Amino acid sequence: MSIGREPEETDLAATGEPQEWFHALAAARARQTFGKSVFVRGVVEVSNFCRENCRYCGMRRDHRDLGRYRADADELAELLVHHRPSSLTDINIQSGEDPVAARDVVLPLVRTLRRETTLGISVCLGTLSSSLTRDLLEAGASVNIIKFEIADAARYDAMEAPGTLAERTGEIRRLAAEGWRVSSGFIAGLPGQTAADALANLRLAASLPLSGCSVSPFIPGDETPLSGAESGTLDLTLNCMAAMRLMRPDWVIPAVSALNLAGPGTGYRRGLRTGANLCTINLTPERVRNDYLLYKRDRFIMNEQRILEAIASEGLEVSRASLADHLADKRGEPVLA
């Protein structure tokens, strides 16, 4: 574990030349730790059923007008085994909190991918039973992404986020103890949040047994109770990313697709300039993609061409090693053949 510079509230308010210096420092720290390599992962969004009711998410269970779907495991296996982009080393299987899809779609898909590919396999499925997370781990997934989103317990409750904050962080610790490499994440710029709140998010992340963490700008979803709120700013999001990189130089930090919404035309590449070292190609079938409603139906989809252009434009390179193998190697575990 690599511990670096403690974040400060002034870091998160930086603009202009001080911000440029701050971001350059974070990028330099990422290069010292990872070289020029950026991991490239695909994502398939296998279900938009969700039993949770988060006020910032369009897939919340109270959204009765949303057309719900569960993908077919065999169709996704055909795509990922035989037709995946050549740059991919990893796949993330993501859904709303839907135990049915986790058991009936994700688990067989993980088994197929482990048998027929050397892809690193991540899952982002919410809080599931210990028996199901154990089955997924034994089937061949190794990274579990479970975000806490908000570090303030009262605001967490007000946003109707899953369970309580204590339960969510307890789940992160349970998964790590079970043998998962865990990544988490939080939202920058939720309504009413201050720089002090953003600093609390960073400090909570640092206290958890994580291998990586994301920062997503708040984007008010068109079909959520927060549709009329102001968006989180790109500057705050990038400052949080830079502070995180300097705080934990060894973490895997993604450039999230929502950076394109917070900063059209420049946001995503600026994420790479603040030390992000993971990009994700969206492989969800087009016929259901717009119903995976995290923010807006008019999504900015990161395809392989856009990802590779962004990486090259910043003087970076696609990693030859998978994210899963990188994390396994850090632990002294065998990597996939």
C-alpha atoms as a PDB file:
ATOM      1  CA  MET A   1       0.000   0.000   0.000  1.00  0.00           C
ATOM      2  CA  SER A   2       1.367   3.369  -1.005  1.00  0.00           C
ATOM      3  CA  ILE A   3       0.385   6.357   1.134  1.00  0.00           C
ATOM      4  CA  GLY A   4       1.049   9.792  -0.282  1.00  0.00           C
ATOM      5  CA  ARG A   5       0.041  13.385   0.301  1.00  0.00           C
ATOM      6  CA  GLU A   6      -2.934  14.144   2.543  1.00  0.00           C
ATOM      7  CA  PRO A   7      -5.606  16.122   0.651  1.00  0.00           C
ATOM      8  CA  GLU A   8      -6.550  19.602   1.815  1.00  0.00           C
ATOM      9  CA  GLU A   9      -9.690  21.642   1.320  1.00  0.00           C
ATOM     10  CA  THR A  10      -7.742  24.282  -0.625  1.00  0.00           C
ATOM     11  CA  ASP A  11      -6.771  21.595  -3.164  1.00  0.00           C
ATOM     12  CA  LEU A  12     -10.412  21.078  -4.045  1.00  0.00           C
ATOM     13  CA  ALA A  13     -11.021  24.773  -4.705  1.00  0.00           C
ATOM     14  CA  ALA A  14      -7.993  25.239  -6.997  1.00  0.00           C
ATOM     15  CA  THR A  15      -8.467  27.021 -10.339  1.00  0.00           C
ATOM     16  CA  GLY A  16      -6.210  28.606 -12.932  1.00  0.00           C
ATOM     17  CA  GLU A  17      -2.443  28.170 -12.628  1.00  0.00           C
ATOM     18  CA  PRO A  18      -2.542  26.575  -9.149  1.00  0.00           C
ATOM     19  CA  GLN A  19      -4.945  23.966 -10.517  1.00  0.00           C
ATOM     20  CA  GLU A  20      -2.732  23.292 -13.541  1.00  0.00           C
ATOM     21  CA  TRP A  21       0.229  22.738 -11.244  1.00  0.00           C
ATOM     22  CA  PHE A  22      -1.819  20.497  -8.953  1.00  0.00           C
ATOM     23  CA  HIS A  23      -3.099  18.338 -11.813  1.00  0.00           C
ATOM     24  CA  ALA A  24       0.362  18.079 -13.374  1.00  0.00           C
ATOM     25  CA  LEU A  25       1.751  16.904 -10.039  1.00  0.00           C
ATOM     26  CA  ALA A  26      -0.925  14.207  -9.862  1.00  0.00           C
ATOM     27  CA  ALA A  27      -0.271  13.085 -13.434  1.00  0.00           C
ATOM     28  CA  ALA A  28       3.457  12.890 -12.732  1.00  0.00           C
ATOM     29  CA  ARG A  29       2.778  10.719  -9.690  1.00  0.00           C
ATOM     30  CA  ALA A  30       0.649   8.376 -11.817  1.00  0.00           C
ATOM     31  CA  ARG A  31       3.446   8.101 -14.375  1.00  0.00           C
ATOM     32  CA  GLN A  32       5.982   7.345 -11.616  1.00  0.00           C
ATOM     33  CA  THR A  33       3.798   4.501 -10.389  1.00  0.00           C
ATOM     34  CA  PHE A  34       2.281   3.080 -13.591  1.00  0.00           C
ATOM     35  CA  GLY A  35       4.464   4.463 -16.375  1.00  0.00           C
ATOM     36  CA  LYS A  36       2.470   5.542 -19.410  1.00  0.00           C
ATOM     37  CA  SER A  37       0.151   2.532 -19.221  1.00  0.00           C
ATOM     38  CA  VAL A  38      -3.610   2.953 -19.053  1.00  0.00           C
ATOM     39  CA  PHE A  39      -5.861  -0.050 -18.461  1.00  0.00           C
ATOM     40  CA  VAL A  40      -8.669  -0.493 -20.991  1.00  0.00           C
ATOM     41  CA  ARG A  41     -11.762  -2.295 -19.782  1.00  0.00           C
ATOM     42  CA  GLY A  42     -15.099  -3.006 -21.405  1.00  0.00           C
ATOM     43  CA  VAL A  43     -18.450  -2.757 -19.631  1.00  0.00           C
ATOM     44  CA  VAL A  44     -21.690  -4.598 -20.263  1.00  0.00           C
ATOM     45  CA  GLU A  45     -24.763  -3.328 -18.406  1.00  0.00           C
ATOM     46  CA  VAL A  46     -26.738  -6.539 -17.982  1.00  0.00           C
ATOM     47  CA  SER A  47     -29.858  -5.395 -16.083  1.00  0.00           C
ATOM     48  CA  ASN A  48     -31.613  -2.165 -15.184  1.00  0.00           C
ATOM     49  CA  PHE A  49     -33.861  -3.761 -12.575  1.00  0.00           C
ATOM     50  CA  CYS A  50     -32.986  -2.273  -9.193  1.00  0.00           C
ATOM     51  CA  ARG A  51     -34.411  -2.788  -5.723  1.00  0.00           C
ATOM     52  CA  GLU A  52     -32.791   0.410  -4.417  1.00  0.00           C
ATOM     53  CA  ASN A  53     -34.276   3.909  -4.578  1.00  0.00           C
ATOM     54  CA  CYS A  54     -31.318   6.314  -4.815  1.00  0.00           C
ATOM     55  CA  ARG A  55     -32.591   9.819  -5.537  1.00  0.00           C
ATOM     56  CA  TYR A  56     -29.723  10.549  -7.963  1.00  0.00           C
ATOM     57  CA  CYS A  57     -30.300   7.486 -10.201  1.00  0.00           C
ATOM     58  CA  GLY A  58     -32.824   7.042 -13.014  1.00  0.00           C
ATOM     59  CA  MET A  59     -33.049   3.290 -12.418  1.00  0.00           C
ATOM     60  CA  ARG A  60     -34.447   3.743  -8.894  1.00  0.00           C
ATOM     61  CA  ARG A  61     -37.271   1.350  -8.103  1.00  0.00           C
ATOM     62  CA  ASP A  62     -39.863   4.169  -7.926  1.00  0.00           C
ATOM     63  CA  HIS A  63     -39.269   5.017 -11.592  1.00  0.00           C
ATOM     64  CA  ARG A  64     -42.316   3.062 -12.774  1.00  0.00           C
ATOM     65  CA  ASP A  65     -42.201   4.194 -16.398  1.00  0.00           C
ATOM     66  CA  LEU A  66     -38.749   2.812 -17.150  1.00  0.00           C
ATOM     67  CA  GLY A  67     -38.712  -0.192 -19.458  1.00  0.00           C
ATOM     68  CA  ARG A  68     -36.808  -2.860 -17.559  1.00  0.00           C
ATOM     69  CA  TYR A  69     -34.565  -5.494 -19.132  1.00  0.00           C
ATOM     70  CA  ARG A  70     -32.228  -8.360 -18.312  1.00  0.00           C
ATOM     71  CA  ALA A  71     -29.663  -9.289 -20.950  1.00  0.00           C
ATOM     72  CA  ASP A  72     -29.078 -12.796 -22.260  1.00  0.00           C
ATOM     73  CA  ALA A  73     -25.900 -14.418 -20.931  1.00  0.00           C
ATOM     74  CA  ASP A  74     -25.274 -16.408 -24.121  1.00  0.00           C
ATOM     75  CA  GLU A  75     -25.578 -13.312 -26.321  1.00  0.00           C
ATOM     76  CA  LEU A  76     -23.088 -11.428 -24.162  1.00  0.00           C
ATOM     77  CA  ALA A  77     -20.729 -14.406 -24.079  1.00  0.00           C
ATOM     78  CA  GLU A  78     -20.731 -14.537 -27.889  1.00  0.00           C
ATOM     79  CA  LEU A  79     -19.879 -10.832 -28.010  1.00  0.00           C
ATOM     80  CA  LEU A  80     -17.136 -10.945 -25.407  1.00  0.00           C
ATOM     81  CA  VAL A  81     -15.518 -14.226 -26.402  1.00  0.00           C
ATOM     82  CA  HIS A  82     -15.535 -13.725 -30.177  1.00  0.00           C
ATOM     83  CA  HIS A  83     -16.199 -10.071 -31.040  1.00  0.00           C
ATOM     84  CA  ARG A  84     -14.727  -7.889 -28.312  1.00  0.00           C
ATOM     85  CA  PRO A  85     -12.470  -4.917 -29.169  1.00  0.00           C
ATOM     86  CA  SER A  86      -8.835  -5.961 -29.442  1.00  0.00           C
ATOM     87  CA  SER A  87      -7.621  -3.387 -26.918  1.00  0.00           C
ATOM     88  CA  LEU A  88      -9.609  -4.887 -24.017  1.00  0.00           C
ATOM     89  CA  THR A  89      -7.844  -6.717 -21.225  1.00  0.00           C
ATOM     90  CA  ASP A  90     -10.732  -6.649 -18.731  1.00  0.00           C
ATOM     91  CA  ILE A  91     -14.511  -6.622 -18.602  1.00  0.00           C
ATOM     92  CA  ASN A  92     -16.816  -5.082 -16.018  1.00  0.00           C
ATOM     93  CA  ILE A  93     -20.256  -6.665 -15.661  1.00  0.00           C
ATOM     94  CA  GLN A  94     -22.604  -4.060 -14.227  1.00  0.00           C
ATOM     95  CA  SER A  95     -26.275  -3.881 -13.285  1.00  0.00           C
ATOM     96  CA  GLY A  96     -28.790  -2.308 -10.985  1.00  0.00           C
ATOM     97  CA  GLU A  97     -29.054  -4.103  -7.664  1.00  0.00           C
ATOM     98  CA  ASP A  98     -30.772  -7.161  -9.112  1.00  0.00           C
ATOM     99  CA  PRO A  99     -29.996 -10.499  -7.424  1.00  0.00           C
ATOM    100  CA  VAL A 100     -31.950 -12.366 -10.138  1.00  0.00           C
ATOM    101  CA  ALA A 101     -29.659 -11.038 -12.869  1.00  0.00           C
ATOM    102  CA  ALA A 102     -26.599 -11.654 -10.688  1.00  0.00           C
ATOM    103  CA  ARG A 103     -27.523 -15.318 -10.338  1.00  0.00           C
ATOM    104  CA  ASP A 104     -29.060 -16.028 -13.749  1.00  0.00           C
ATOM    105  CA  VAL A 105     -27.043 -13.766 -16.069  1.00  0.00           C
ATOM    106  CA  VAL A 106     -23.815 -12.669 -14.411  1.00  0.00           C
ATOM    107  CA  LEU A 107     -22.747 -15.940 -12.792  1.00  0.00           C
ATOM    108  CA  PRO A 108     -22.991 -18.071 -15.969  1.00  0.00           C
ATOM    109  CA  LEU A 109     -21.353 -15.286 -17.971  1.00  0.00           C
ATOM    110  CA  VAL A 110     -18.418 -15.120 -15.532  1.00  0.00           C
ATOM    111  CA  ARG A 111     -17.976 -18.900 -15.771  1.00  0.00           C
ATOM    112  CA  THR A 112     -17.938 -18.784 -19.562  1.00  0.00           C
ATOM    113  CA  LEU A 113     -15.476 -15.911 -19.701  1.00  0.00           C
ATOM    114  CA  ARG A 114     -13.136 -17.570 -17.236  1.00  0.00           C
ATOM    115  CA  ARG A 115     -13.232 -20.817 -19.211  1.00  0.00           C
ATOM    116  CA  GLU A 116     -12.799 -19.300 -22.672  1.00  0.00           C
ATOM    117  CA  THR A 117     -10.799 -16.061 -22.216  1.00  0.00           C
ATOM    118  CA  THR A 118      -8.028 -14.544 -20.122  1.00  0.00           C
ATOM    119  CA  LEU A 119      -9.996 -11.345 -19.501  1.00  0.00           C
ATOM    120  CA  GLY A 120      -9.842  -9.882 -16.040  1.00  0.00           C
ATOM    121  CA  ILE A 121     -13.384  -9.839 -14.690  1.00  0.00           C
ATOM    122  CA  SER A 122     -14.899  -7.086 -12.528  1.00  0.00           C
ATOM    123  CA  VAL A 123     -18.468  -6.905 -11.262  1.00  0.00           C
ATOM    124  CA  CYS A 124     -20.520  -3.901 -10.131  1.00  0.00           C
ATOM    125  CA  LEU A 125     -23.763  -5.351  -8.789  1.00  0.00           C
ATOM    126  CA  GLY A 126     -24.499  -3.630  -5.483  1.00  0.00           C
ATOM    127  CA  THR A 127     -25.013  -5.429  -2.187  1.00  0.00           C
ATOM    128  CA  LEU A 128     -25.623  -9.155  -2.623  1.00  0.00           C
ATOM    129  CA  SER A 129     -25.733 -12.121  -0.284  1.00  0.00           C
ATOM    130  CA  SER A 130     -22.448 -13.567   0.930  1.00  0.00           C
ATOM    131  CA  SER A 131     -23.243 -16.869  -0.803  1.00  0.00           C
ATOM    132  CA  LEU A 132     -23.721 -15.135  -4.156  1.00  0.00           C
ATOM    133  CA  THR A 133     -20.580 -12.990  -3.883  1.00  0.00           C
ATOM    134  CA  ARG A 134     -18.650 -16.129  -2.916  1.00  0.00           C
ATOM    135  CA  ASP A 135     -20.016 -17.958  -5.972  1.00  0.00           C
ATOM    136  CA  LEU A 136     -18.996 -15.061  -8.233  1.00  0.00           C
ATOM    137  CA  LEU A 137     -15.501 -15.030  -6.763  1.00  0.00           C
ATOM    138  CA  GLU A 138     -15.115 -18.777  -7.148  1.00  0.00           C
ATOM    139  CA  ALA A 139     -16.416 -18.559 -10.724  1.00  0.00           C
ATOM    140  CA  GLY A 140     -13.548 -16.254 -11.678  1.00  0.00           C
ATOM    141  CA  ALA A 141     -14.437 -12.632 -11.013  1.00  0.00           C
ATOM    142  CA  SER A 142     -11.797 -10.881  -8.932  1.00  0.00           C
ATOM    143  CA  VAL A 143     -12.652  -7.153  -8.690  1.00  0.00           C
ATOM    144  CA  ASN A 144     -15.831  -5.915  -7.023  1.00  0.00           C
ATOM    145  CA  ILE A 145     -16.882  -2.295  -7.547  1.00  0.00           C
ATOM    146  CA  ILE A 146     -19.174  -1.028  -4.791  1.00  0.00           C
ATOM    147  CA  LYS A 147     -19.495   2.723  -4.397  1.00  0.00           C
ATOM    148  CA  PHE A 148     -20.306   4.562  -1.190  1.00  0.00           C
ATOM    149  CA  GLU A 149     -21.127   7.802  -3.079  1.00  0.00           C
ATOM    150  CA  ILE A 150     -21.515  10.057   0.022  1.00  0.00           C
ATOM    151  CA  ALA A 151     -19.392  10.146   3.199  1.00  0.00           C
ATOM    152  CA  ASP A 152     -21.974  11.984   5.332  1.00  0.00           C
ATOM    153  CA  ALA A 153     -24.346   9.503   7.003  1.00  0.00           C
ATOM    154  CA  ALA A 154     -27.287  11.915   7.253  1.00  0.00           C
ATOM    155  CA  ARG A 155     -27.036  13.003   3.625  1.00  0.00           C
ATOM    156  CA  TYR A 156     -26.580   9.359   2.616  1.00  0.00           C
ATOM    157  CA  ASP A 157     -29.934   8.604   4.247  1.00  0.00           C
ATOM    158  CA  ALA A 158     -31.561  11.676   2.682  1.00  0.00           C
ATOM    159  CA  MET A 159     -30.483  10.517  -0.767  1.00  0.00           C
ATOM    160  CA  GLU A 160     -32.068   7.103  -0.097  1.00  0.00           C
ATOM    161  CA  ALA A 161     -28.770   5.415  -0.930  1.00  0.00           C
ATOM    162  CA  PRO A 162     -28.557   1.648  -0.290  1.00  0.00           C
ATOM    163  CA  GLY A 163     -29.039   0.723   3.374  1.00  0.00           C
ATOM    164  CA  THR A 164     -27.028   2.975   5.661  1.00  0.00           C
ATOM    165  CA  LEU A 165     -23.547   4.351   5.173  1.00  0.00           C
ATOM    166  CA  ALA A 166     -22.265   2.066   7.941  1.00  0.00           C
ATOM    167  CA  GLU A 167     -23.800  -0.936   6.184  1.00  0.00           C
ATOM    168  CA  ARG A 168     -22.297   0.082   2.865  1.00  0.00           C
ATOM    169  CA  THR A 169     -18.777   0.529   4.208  1.00  0.00           C
ATOM    170  CA  GLY A 170     -19.221  -2.702   6.167  1.00  0.00           C
ATOM    171  CA  GLU A 171     -20.023  -4.462   2.897  1.00  0.00           C
ATOM    172  CA  ILE A 172     -16.833  -3.071   1.346  1.00  0.00           C
ATOM    173  CA  ARG A 173     -14.808  -4.447   4.231  1.00  0.00           C
ATOM    174  CA  ARG A 174     -16.587  -7.812   4.060  1.00  0.00           C
ATOM    175  CA  LEU A 175     -15.840  -8.190   0.365  1.00  0.00           C
ATOM    176  CA  ALA A 176     -12.169  -7.346   0.885  1.00  0.00           C
ATOM    177  CA  ALA A 177     -11.946  -9.899   3.701  1.00  0.00           C
ATOM    178  CA  GLU A 178     -13.611 -12.464   1.428  1.00  0.00           C
ATOM    179  CA  GLY A 179     -10.764 -12.119  -1.074  1.00  0.00           C
ATOM    180  CA  TRP A 180     -12.053  -9.561  -3.536  1.00  0.00           C
ATOM    181  CA  ARG A 181     -10.006  -6.625  -4.745  1.00  0.00           C
ATOM    182  CA  VAL A 182     -12.479  -3.833  -4.092  1.00  0.00           C
ATOM    183  CA  SER A 183     -12.900  -0.525  -5.874  1.00  0.00           C
ATOM    184  CA  SER A 184     -15.297   2.161  -4.683  1.00  0.00           C
ATOM    185  CA  GLY A 185     -16.327   5.650  -5.686  1.00  0.00           C
ATOM    186  CA  PHE A 186     -18.203   8.810  -4.824  1.00  0.00           C
ATOM    187  CA  ILE A 187     -20.132  11.645  -6.433  1.00  0.00           C
ATOM    188  CA  ALA A 188     -18.667  15.147  -6.565  1.00  0.00           C
ATOM    189  CA  GLY A 189     -21.071  18.081  -6.288  1.00  0.00           C
ATOM    190  CA  LEU A 190     -24.294  16.564  -5.014  1.00  0.00           C
ATOM    191  CA  PRO A 191     -26.828  19.284  -4.055  1.00  0.00           C
ATOM    192  CA  GLY A 192     -25.792  21.019  -0.842  1.00  0.00           C
ATOM    193  CA  GLN A 193     -22.307  19.569  -0.720  1.00  0.00           C
ATOM    194  CA  THR A 194     -19.309  21.734   0.122  1.00  0.00           C
ATOM    195  CA  ALA A 195     -15.566  21.375  -0.362  1.00  0.00           C
ATOM    196  CA  ALA A 196     -15.454  20.038   3.196  1.00  0.00           C
ATOM    197  CA  ASP A 197     -17.898  17.311   2.179  1.00  0.00           C
ATOM    198  CA  ALA A 198     -15.734  16.402  -0.802  1.00  0.00           C
ATOM    199  CA  LEU A 199     -12.727  16.214   1.519  1.00  0.00           C
ATOM    200  CA  ALA A 200     -14.706  13.862   3.783  1.00  0.00           C
ATOM    201  CA  ASN A 201     -15.362  11.636   0.756  1.00  0.00           C
ATOM    202  CA  LEU A 202     -11.632  11.386   0.112  1.00  0.00           C
ATOM    203  CA  ARG A 203     -10.858  10.632   3.733  1.00  0.00           C
ATOM    204  CA  LEU A 204     -13.496   7.908   3.911  1.00  0.00           C
ATOM    205  CA  ALA A 205     -12.119   6.331   0.739  1.00  0.00           C
ATOM    206  CA  ALA A 206      -8.613   6.357   2.260  1.00  0.00           C
ATOM    207  CA  SER A 207      -9.885   4.508   5.328  1.00  0.00           C
ATOM    208  CA  LEU A 208     -11.307   1.600   3.321  1.00  0.00           C
ATOM    209  CA  PRO A 209      -9.478  -1.514   2.006  1.00  0.00           C
ATOM    210  CA  LEU A 210      -9.540  -0.431  -1.640  1.00  0.00           C
ATOM    211  CA  SER A 211      -7.500  -1.086  -4.757  1.00  0.00           C
ATOM    212  CA  GLY A 212      -9.027   1.859  -6.581  1.00  0.00           C
ATOM    213  CA  CYS A 213     -11.694   4.542  -6.468  1.00  0.00           C
ATOM    214  CA  SER A 214     -13.653   6.709  -8.895  1.00  0.00           C
ATOM    215  CA  VAL A 215     -14.983  10.261  -8.731  1.00  0.00           C
ATOM    216  CA  SER A 216     -18.077  11.053 -10.804  1.00  0.00           C
ATOM    217  CA  PRO A 217     -19.509  14.549 -11.276  1.00  0.00           C
ATOM    218  CA  PHE A 218     -23.108  14.861 -10.173  1.00  0.00           C
ATOM    219  CA  ILE A 219     -25.302  14.895 -13.265  1.00  0.00           C
ATOM    220  CA  PRO A 220     -28.988  15.596 -12.523  1.00  0.00           C
ATOM    221  CA  GLY A 221     -30.914  12.777 -14.162  1.00  0.00           C
ATOM    222  CA  ASP A 222     -33.914  13.868 -16.230  1.00  0.00           C
ATOM    223  CA  GLU A 223     -36.162  11.279 -14.597  1.00  0.00           C
ATOM    224  CA  THR A 224     -35.058  11.581 -10.951  1.00  0.00           C
ATOM    225  CA  PRO A 225     -36.187  13.714  -7.983  1.00  0.00           C
ATOM    226  CA  LEU A 226     -33.006  15.773  -8.470  1.00  0.00           C
ATOM    227  CA  SER A 227     -33.696  16.671 -12.109  1.00  0.00           C
ATOM    228  CA  GLY A 228     -33.822  20.406 -11.343  1.00  0.00           C
ATOM    229  CA  ALA A 229     -30.584  20.569  -9.365  1.00  0.00           C
ATOM    230  CA  GLU A 230     -27.347  22.088 -10.628  1.00  0.00           C
ATOM    231  CA  SER A 231     -24.693  19.756 -11.984  1.00  0.00           C
ATOM    232  CA  GLY A 232     -21.469  19.145 -10.145  1.00  0.00           C
ATOM    233  CA  THR A 233     -18.595  21.057 -11.668  1.00  0.00           C
ATOM    234  CA  LEU A 234     -15.815  19.569 -13.721  1.00  0.00           C
ATOM    235  CA  ASP A 235     -13.231  21.508 -11.696  1.00  0.00           C
ATOM    236  CA  LEU A 236     -14.329  19.978  -8.388  1.00  0.00           C
ATOM    237  CA  THR A 237     -14.400  16.495  -9.906  1.00  0.00           C
ATOM    238  CA  LEU A 238     -10.927  16.802 -11.411  1.00  0.00           C
ATOM    239  CA  ASN A 239      -9.523  18.349  -8.240  1.00  0.00           C
ATOM    240  CA  CYS A 240     -10.875  15.381  -6.277  1.00  0.00           C
ATOM    241  CA  MET A 241      -9.258  13.010  -8.771  1.00  0.00           C
ATOM    242  CA  ALA A 242      -5.908  14.776  -8.495  1.00  0.00           C
ATOM    243  CA  ALA A 243      -6.089  14.799  -4.698  1.00  0.00           C
ATOM    244  CA  MET A 244      -6.914  11.099  -4.736  1.00  0.00           C
ATOM    245  CA  ARG A 245      -3.955  10.284  -6.967  1.00  0.00           C
ATOM    246  CA  LEU A 246      -1.585  12.157  -4.691  1.00  0.00           C
ATOM    247  CA  MET A 247      -3.188  10.566  -1.618  1.00  0.00           C
ATOM    248  CA  ARG A 248      -2.951   7.014  -2.972  1.00  0.00           C
ATOM    249  CA  PRO A 249      -0.441   6.777  -5.836  1.00  0.00           C
ATOM    250  CA  ASP A 250      -1.015   3.024  -6.214  1.00  0.00           C
ATOM    251  CA  TRP A 251      -4.783   3.163  -6.769  1.00  0.00           C
ATOM    252  CA  VAL A 252      -6.441   2.490 -10.097  1.00  0.00           C
ATOM    253  CA  ILE A 253      -8.481   5.630 -10.849  1.00  0.00           C
ATOM    254  CA  PRO A 254     -10.847   5.618 -13.836  1.00  0.00           C
ATOM    255  CA  ALA A 255     -11.695   8.452 -16.168  1.00  0.00           C
ATOM    256  CA  VAL A 256     -15.481   8.095 -15.964  1.00  0.00           C
ATOM    257  CA  SER A 257     -17.705   8.709 -18.971  1.00  0.00           C
ATOM    258  CA  ALA A 258     -19.678  11.400 -17.094  1.00  0.00           C
ATOM    259  CA  LEU A 259     -16.648  13.677 -17.467  1.00  0.00           C
ATOM    260  CA  ASN A 260     -17.881  14.129 -21.037  1.00  0.00           C
ATOM    261  CA  LEU A 261     -21.160  15.528 -19.691  1.00  0.00           C
ATOM    262  CA  ALA A 262     -19.557  17.815 -17.117  1.00  0.00           C
ATOM    263  CA  GLY A 263     -16.984  19.081 -19.604  1.00  0.00           C
ATOM    264  CA  PRO A 264     -18.062  18.465 -23.216  1.00  0.00           C
ATOM    265  CA  GLY A 265     -15.115  18.108 -25.552  1.00  0.00           C
ATOM    266  CA  THR A 266     -12.385  18.335 -22.919  1.00  0.00           C
ATOM    267  CA  GLY A 267     -13.515  16.699 -19.690  1.00  0.00           C
ATOM    268  CA  TYR A 268     -12.507  13.123 -20.422  1.00  0.00           C
ATOM    269  CA  ARG A 269      -8.991  13.929 -21.590  1.00  0.00           C
ATOM    270  CA  ARG A 270      -8.520  16.294 -18.666  1.00  0.00           C
ATOM    271  CA  GLY A 271      -9.289  13.296 -16.466  1.00  0.00           C
ATOM    272  CA  LEU A 272      -6.276  11.513 -17.932  1.00  0.00           C
ATOM    273  CA  ARG A 273      -4.219  14.643 -17.244  1.00  0.00           C
ATOM    274  CA  THR A 274      -5.022  14.412 -13.528  1.00  0.00           C
ATOM    275  CA  GLY A 275      -3.652  10.898 -13.121  1.00  0.00           C
ATOM    276  CA  ALA A 276      -6.531   8.643 -14.202  1.00  0.00           C
ATOM    277  CA  ASN A 277      -5.237   5.324 -15.504  1.00  0.00           C
ATOM    278  CA  LEU A 278      -8.331   3.337 -16.511  1.00  0.00           C
ATOM    279  CA  CYS A 279     -10.668   3.845 -19.471  1.00  0.00           C
ATOM    280  CA  THR A 280     -13.860   1.936 -20.204  1.00  0.00           C
ATOM    281  CA  ILE A 281     -15.434   1.020 -23.546  1.00  0.00           C
ATOM    282  CA  ASN A 282     -19.219   0.598 -23.451  1.00  0.00           C
ATOM    283  CA  LEU A 283     -20.308  -2.701 -25.028  1.00  0.00           C
ATOM    284  CA  THR A 284     -23.929  -2.790 -23.873  1.00  0.00           C
ATOM    285  CA  PRO A 285     -26.203  -3.796 -26.783  1.00  0.00           C
ATOM    286  CA  GLU A 286     -27.636  -0.678 -28.409  1.00  0.00           C
ATOM    287  CA  ARG A 287     -31.268  -1.794 -28.166  1.00  0.00           C
ATOM    288  CA  VAL A 288     -31.191  -1.556 -24.344  1.00  0.00           C
ATOM    289  CA  ARG A 289     -28.400   0.943 -23.732  1.00  0.00           C
ATOM    290  CA  ASN A 290     -30.635   3.995 -23.322  1.00  0.00           C
ATOM    291  CA  ASP A 291     -32.681   2.225 -20.643  1.00  0.00           C
ATOM    292  CA  TYR A 292     -29.591   1.875 -18.437  1.00  0.00           C
ATOM    293  CA  LEU A 293     -30.510   5.254 -17.067  1.00  0.00           C
ATOM    294  CA  LEU A 294     -27.847   6.485 -14.687  1.00  0.00           C
ATOM    295  CA  TYR A 295     -28.114  10.115 -15.832  1.00  0.00           C
ATOM    296  CA  LYS A 296     -29.769  10.926 -19.140  1.00  0.00           C
ATOM    297  CA  ARG A 297     -31.060   8.872 -22.055  1.00  0.00           C
ATOM    298  CA  ASP A 298     -28.865  10.871 -24.425  1.00  0.00           C
ATOM    299  CA  ARG A 299     -25.648   9.196 -23.317  1.00  0.00           C
ATOM    300  CA  PHE A 300     -22.102   9.950 -24.445  1.00  0.00           C
ATOM    301  CA  ILE A 301     -20.861   6.461 -25.313  1.00  0.00           C
ATOM    302  CA  MET A 302     -17.149   5.808 -25.116  1.00  0.00           C
ATOM    303  CA  ASN A 303     -16.341   3.397 -27.941  1.00  0.00           C
ATOM    304  CA  GLU A 304     -12.916   1.958 -28.716  1.00  0.00           C
ATOM    305  CA  GLN A 305     -11.984   4.689 -31.188  1.00  0.00           C
ATOM    306  CA  ARG A 306     -12.737   7.480 -28.720  1.00  0.00           C
ATOM    307  CA  ILE A 307     -10.849   5.719 -25.946  1.00  0.00           C
ATOM    308  CA  LEU A 308      -7.755   5.054 -28.043  1.00  0.00           C
ATOM    309  CA  GLU A 309      -7.732   8.615 -29.383  1.00  0.00           C
ATOM    310  CA  ALA A 310      -7.978  10.041 -25.872  1.00  0.00           C
ATOM    311  CA  ILE A 311      -5.135   7.862 -24.603  1.00  0.00           C
ATOM    312  CA  ALA A 312      -2.884   8.668 -27.551  1.00  0.00           C
ATOM    313  CA  SER A 313      -3.640  12.396 -27.395  1.00  0.00           C
ATOM    314  CA  GLU A 314      -2.259  12.518 -23.854  1.00  0.00           C
ATOM    315  CA  GLY A 315       0.937  10.659 -24.766  1.00  0.00           C
ATOM    316  CA  LEU A 316      -0.174   7.512 -22.970  1.00  0.00           C
ATOM    317  CA  GLU A 317      -0.339   3.848 -23.976  1.00  0.00           C
ATOM    318  CA  VAL A 318      -2.769   0.965 -23.631  1.00  0.00           C
ATOM    319  CA  SER A 319      -1.622  -1.440 -20.932  1.00  0.00           C
ATOM    320  CA  ARG A 320      -0.656  -4.891 -22.113  1.00  0.00           C
ATOM    321  CA  ALA A 321      -1.366  -6.307 -18.657  1.00  0.00           C
ATOM    322  CA  SER A 322      -4.904  -6.647 -17.415  1.00  0.00           C
ATOM    323  CA  LEU A 323      -6.134  -4.753 -14.406  1.00  0.00           C
ATOM    324  CA  ALA A 324      -6.922  -8.073 -12.719  1.00  0.00           C
ATOM    325  CA  ASP A 325      -3.395  -9.377 -13.302  1.00  0.00           C
ATOM    326  CA  HIS A 326      -1.888  -6.112 -12.083  1.00  0.00           C
ATOM    327  CA  LEU A 327      -3.811  -6.346  -8.823  1.00  0.00           C
ATOM    328  CA  ALA A 328      -3.035 -10.038  -8.428  1.00  0.00           C
ATOM    329  CA  ASP A 329       0.662  -9.366  -9.026  1.00  0.00           C
ATOM    330  CA  LYS A 330       0.645  -6.717  -6.283  1.00  0.00           C
ATOM    331  CA  ARG A 331      -0.562  -9.418  -3.886  1.00  0.00           C
ATOM    332  CA  GLY A 332       1.893 -12.025  -5.110  1.00  0.00           C
ATOM    333  CA  GLU A 333      -0.882 -14.148  -6.592  1.00  0.00           C
ATOM    334  CA  PRO A 334      -0.589 -16.126  -9.863  1.00  0.00           C
ATOM    335  CA  VAL A 335      -1.783 -14.252 -12.948  1.00  0.00           C
ATOM    336  CA  LEU A 336      -3.981 -15.689 -15.673  1.00  0.00           C
ATOM    337  CA  ALA A 337      -2.294 -17.746 -18.370  1.00  0.00           C
END
